[in-house]
Amino acid sequence: MDNLTDNYTGNSILGENIRDIRNSLNLTQEEFAEKLNINWQFLSRVENGKVGISIDTAINICNTAECSSVQLFKNIIKSPSIADKYELLSERDKSVINQMITYLLNTK
């Protein structure tokens, strides 16, 4: 897959996610665009996957719609694995988890 196809696919999924967020708020494109302080024609192009959005617009959508970035980028950005999340923990927290795993394995 080339970059153009990747961008189109990402924009298409992002547009669907934004449409879903907007619909969950029961807002028209015009109403949502007004809340976001963007042009409704631009919002239409975004929802149709024709263009992408800036980081500032993504933050604005999340703050305005009170949704998470996970919801906005659903099916675009892969969630970190459990192992990746584990590596972010402090050594103390890792120790607690290791003890819990050991305990669970020993009770089988």
C-alpha atoms as a PDB file:
ATOM      1  CA  MET A   1       0.000   0.000   0.000  1.00  0.00           C
ATOM      2  CA  ASP A   2       1.463   3.384  -0.938  1.00  0.00           C
ATOM      3  CA  ASN A   3       1.258   6.558   1.161  1.00  0.00           C
ATOM      4  CA  LEU A   4      -1.603   7.995  -0.885  1.00  0.00           C
ATOM      5  CA  THR A   5      -3.703   4.891  -0.272  1.00  0.00           C
ATOM      6  CA  ASP A   6      -2.700   4.850   3.412  1.00  0.00           C
ATOM      7  CA  ASN A   7      -3.663   8.506   3.824  1.00  0.00           C
ATOM      8  CA  TYR A   8      -6.964   7.996   2.042  1.00  0.00           C
ATOM      9  CA  THR A   9      -7.809   4.966   4.187  1.00  0.00           C
ATOM     10  CA  GLY A  10      -6.827   6.800   7.376  1.00  0.00           C
ATOM     11  CA  ASN A  11      -8.783   9.886   6.360  1.00  0.00           C
ATOM     12  CA  SER A  12     -11.791   7.760   5.467  1.00  0.00           C
ATOM     13  CA  ILE A  13     -11.830   5.992   8.844  1.00  0.00           C
ATOM     14  CA  LEU A  14     -11.191   9.270  10.683  1.00  0.00           C
ATOM     15  CA  GLY A  15     -14.086  10.857   8.814  1.00  0.00           C
ATOM     16  CA  GLU A  16     -16.387   8.008   9.824  1.00  0.00           C
ATOM     17  CA  ASN A  17     -15.276   8.356  13.448  1.00  0.00           C
ATOM     18  CA  ILE A  18     -15.950  12.099  13.408  1.00  0.00           C
ATOM     19  CA  ARG A  19     -19.375  11.524  11.831  1.00  0.00           C
ATOM     20  CA  ASP A  20     -20.162   8.970  14.557  1.00  0.00           C
ATOM     21  CA  ILE A  21     -19.058  11.421  17.257  1.00  0.00           C
ATOM     22  CA  ARG A  22     -21.149  14.206  15.710  1.00  0.00           C
ATOM     23  CA  ASN A  23     -24.183  11.939  15.361  1.00  0.00           C
ATOM     24  CA  SER A  24     -23.858  10.837  18.993  1.00  0.00           C
ATOM     25  CA  LEU A  25     -24.247  14.512  19.897  1.00  0.00           C
ATOM     26  CA  ASN A  26     -27.316  14.808  17.632  1.00  0.00           C
ATOM     27  CA  LEU A  27     -25.731  17.677  15.737  1.00  0.00           C
ATOM     28  CA  THR A  28     -25.854  18.539  12.053  1.00  0.00           C
ATOM     29  CA  GLN A  29     -22.594  19.217  10.221  1.00  0.00           C
ATOM     30  CA  GLU A  30     -23.389  22.905  10.354  1.00  0.00           C
ATOM     31  CA  GLU A  31     -24.012  22.860  14.120  1.00  0.00           C
ATOM     32  CA  PHE A  32     -20.916  20.804  14.900  1.00  0.00           C
ATOM     33  CA  ALA A  33     -18.747  22.931  12.602  1.00  0.00           C
ATOM     34  CA  GLU A  34     -19.992  26.066  14.364  1.00  0.00           C
ATOM     35  CA  LYS A  35     -19.076  24.595  17.770  1.00  0.00           C
ATOM     36  CA  LEU A  36     -15.640  23.698  16.393  1.00  0.00           C
ATOM     37  CA  ASN A  37     -15.263  27.127  14.791  1.00  0.00           C
ATOM     38  CA  ILE A  38     -14.553  25.586  11.383  1.00  0.00           C
ATOM     39  CA  ASN A  39     -16.277  25.798   8.024  1.00  0.00           C
ATOM     40  CA  TRP A  40     -19.052  23.205   7.589  1.00  0.00           C
ATOM     41  CA  GLN A  41     -17.884  22.452   4.031  1.00  0.00           C
ATOM     42  CA  PHE A  42     -14.478  21.540   5.480  1.00  0.00           C
ATOM     43  CA  LEU A  43     -16.176  19.294   8.047  1.00  0.00           C
ATOM     44  CA  SER A  44     -18.110  17.639   5.212  1.00  0.00           C
ATOM     45  CA  ARG A  45     -14.870  16.953   3.317  1.00  0.00           C
ATOM     46  CA  VAL A  46     -13.309  15.525   6.494  1.00  0.00           C
ATOM     47  CA  GLU A  47     -16.289  13.262   7.176  1.00  0.00           C
ATOM     48  CA  ASN A  48     -16.165  12.042   3.577  1.00  0.00           C
ATOM     49  CA  GLY A  49     -12.471  11.163   3.926  1.00  0.00           C
ATOM     50  CA  LYS A  50     -11.345  13.667   1.315  1.00  0.00           C
ATOM     51  CA  VAL A  51      -9.041  15.602   3.657  1.00  0.00           C
ATOM     52  CA  GLY A  52      -7.356  15.052   6.997  1.00  0.00           C
ATOM     53  CA  ILE A  53      -7.257  17.256  10.072  1.00  0.00           C
ATOM     54  CA  SER A  54      -4.551  18.972  12.071  1.00  0.00           C
ATOM     55  CA  ILE A  55      -3.571  18.036  15.604  1.00  0.00           C
ATOM     56  CA  ASP A  56      -5.211  21.278  16.771  1.00  0.00           C
ATOM     57  CA  THR A  57      -8.491  20.269  15.121  1.00  0.00           C
ATOM     58  CA  ALA A  58      -8.271  16.781  16.648  1.00  0.00           C
ATOM     59  CA  ILE A  59      -7.789  18.307  20.111  1.00  0.00           C
ATOM     60  CA  ASN A  60     -10.653  20.728  19.457  1.00  0.00           C
ATOM     61  CA  ILE A  61     -12.969  17.851  18.454  1.00  0.00           C
ATOM     62  CA  CYS A  62     -12.089  15.835  21.567  1.00  0.00           C
ATOM     63  CA  ASN A  63     -12.563  18.826  23.874  1.00  0.00           C
ATOM     64  CA  THR A  64     -15.756  20.057  22.213  1.00  0.00           C
ATOM     65  CA  ALA A  65     -17.370  16.612  21.959  1.00  0.00           C
ATOM     66  CA  GLU A  66     -15.961  15.514  25.321  1.00  0.00           C
ATOM     67  CA  CYS A  67     -14.657  12.329  23.710  1.00  0.00           C
ATOM     68  CA  SER A  68     -11.330  10.571  24.004  1.00  0.00           C
ATOM     69  CA  SER A  69      -8.615  10.490  21.391  1.00  0.00           C
ATOM     70  CA  VAL A  70      -9.145   6.711  21.392  1.00  0.00           C
ATOM     71  CA  GLN A  71     -12.677   7.273  20.122  1.00  0.00           C
ATOM     72  CA  LEU A  72     -11.500   9.794  17.524  1.00  0.00           C
ATOM     73  CA  PHE A  73      -8.694   7.577  16.189  1.00  0.00           C
ATOM     74  CA  LYS A  74     -10.512   4.232  16.592  1.00  0.00           C
ATOM     75  CA  ASN A  75      -9.342   1.693  13.972  1.00  0.00           C
ATOM     76  CA  ILE A  76      -6.528   4.021  12.870  1.00  0.00           C
ATOM     77  CA  ILE A  77      -4.006   3.923  15.706  1.00  0.00           C
ATOM     78  CA  LYS A  78      -3.395   0.550  17.229  1.00  0.00           C
ATOM     79  CA  SER A  79      -3.678   0.330  21.002  1.00  0.00           C
ATOM     80  CA  PRO A  80      -0.499  -0.645  22.788  1.00  0.00           C
ATOM     81  CA  SER A  81      -0.207  -4.275  23.794  1.00  0.00           C
ATOM     82  CA  ILE A  82      -0.334  -5.374  27.411  1.00  0.00           C
ATOM     83  CA  ALA A  83       3.435  -5.905  27.279  1.00  0.00           C
ATOM     84  CA  ASP A  84       3.944  -2.328  26.046  1.00  0.00           C
ATOM     85  CA  LYS A  85       1.715  -1.004  28.823  1.00  0.00           C
ATOM     86  CA  TYR A  86       3.570  -3.129  31.388  1.00  0.00           C
ATOM     87  CA  GLU A  87       6.849  -1.468  30.393  1.00  0.00           C
ATOM     88  CA  LEU A  88       5.381   1.933  31.296  1.00  0.00           C
ATOM     89  CA  LEU A  89       4.813   0.886  34.913  1.00  0.00           C
ATOM     90  CA  SER A  90       7.103   1.737  37.796  1.00  0.00           C
ATOM     91  CA  GLU A  91       9.346  -1.013  39.150  1.00  0.00           C
ATOM     92  CA  ARG A  92       7.163  -1.181  42.261  1.00  0.00           C
ATOM     93  CA  ASP A  93       3.995  -1.701  40.187  1.00  0.00           C
ATOM     94  CA  LYS A  94       5.742  -4.346  38.067  1.00  0.00           C
ATOM     95  CA  SER A  95       6.722  -6.154  41.266  1.00  0.00           C
ATOM     96  CA  VAL A  96       3.119  -6.155  42.494  1.00  0.00           C
ATOM     97  CA  ILE A  97       1.881  -7.509  39.162  1.00  0.00           C
ATOM     98  CA  ASN A  98       4.579 -10.187  39.114  1.00  0.00           C
ATOM     99  CA  GLN A  99       3.544 -11.278  42.616  1.00  0.00           C
ATOM    100  CA  MET A 100      -0.102 -11.416  41.548  1.00  0.00           C
ATOM    101  CA  ILE A 101       0.755 -13.524  38.497  1.00  0.00           C
ATOM    102  CA  THR A 102       2.864 -15.874  40.605  1.00  0.00           C
ATOM    103  CA  TYR A 103       0.047 -16.216  43.119  1.00  0.00           C
ATOM    104  CA  LEU A 104      -2.529 -16.940  40.393  1.00  0.00           C
ATOM    105  CA  LEU A 105      -0.292 -19.517  38.736  1.00  0.00           C
ATOM    106  CA  ASN A 106       0.364 -21.257  42.057  1.00  0.00           C
ATOM    107  CA  THR A 107      -3.363 -21.566  42.855  1.00  0.00           C
ATOM    108  CA  LYS A 108      -4.177 -23.572  39.724  1.00  0.00           C
END
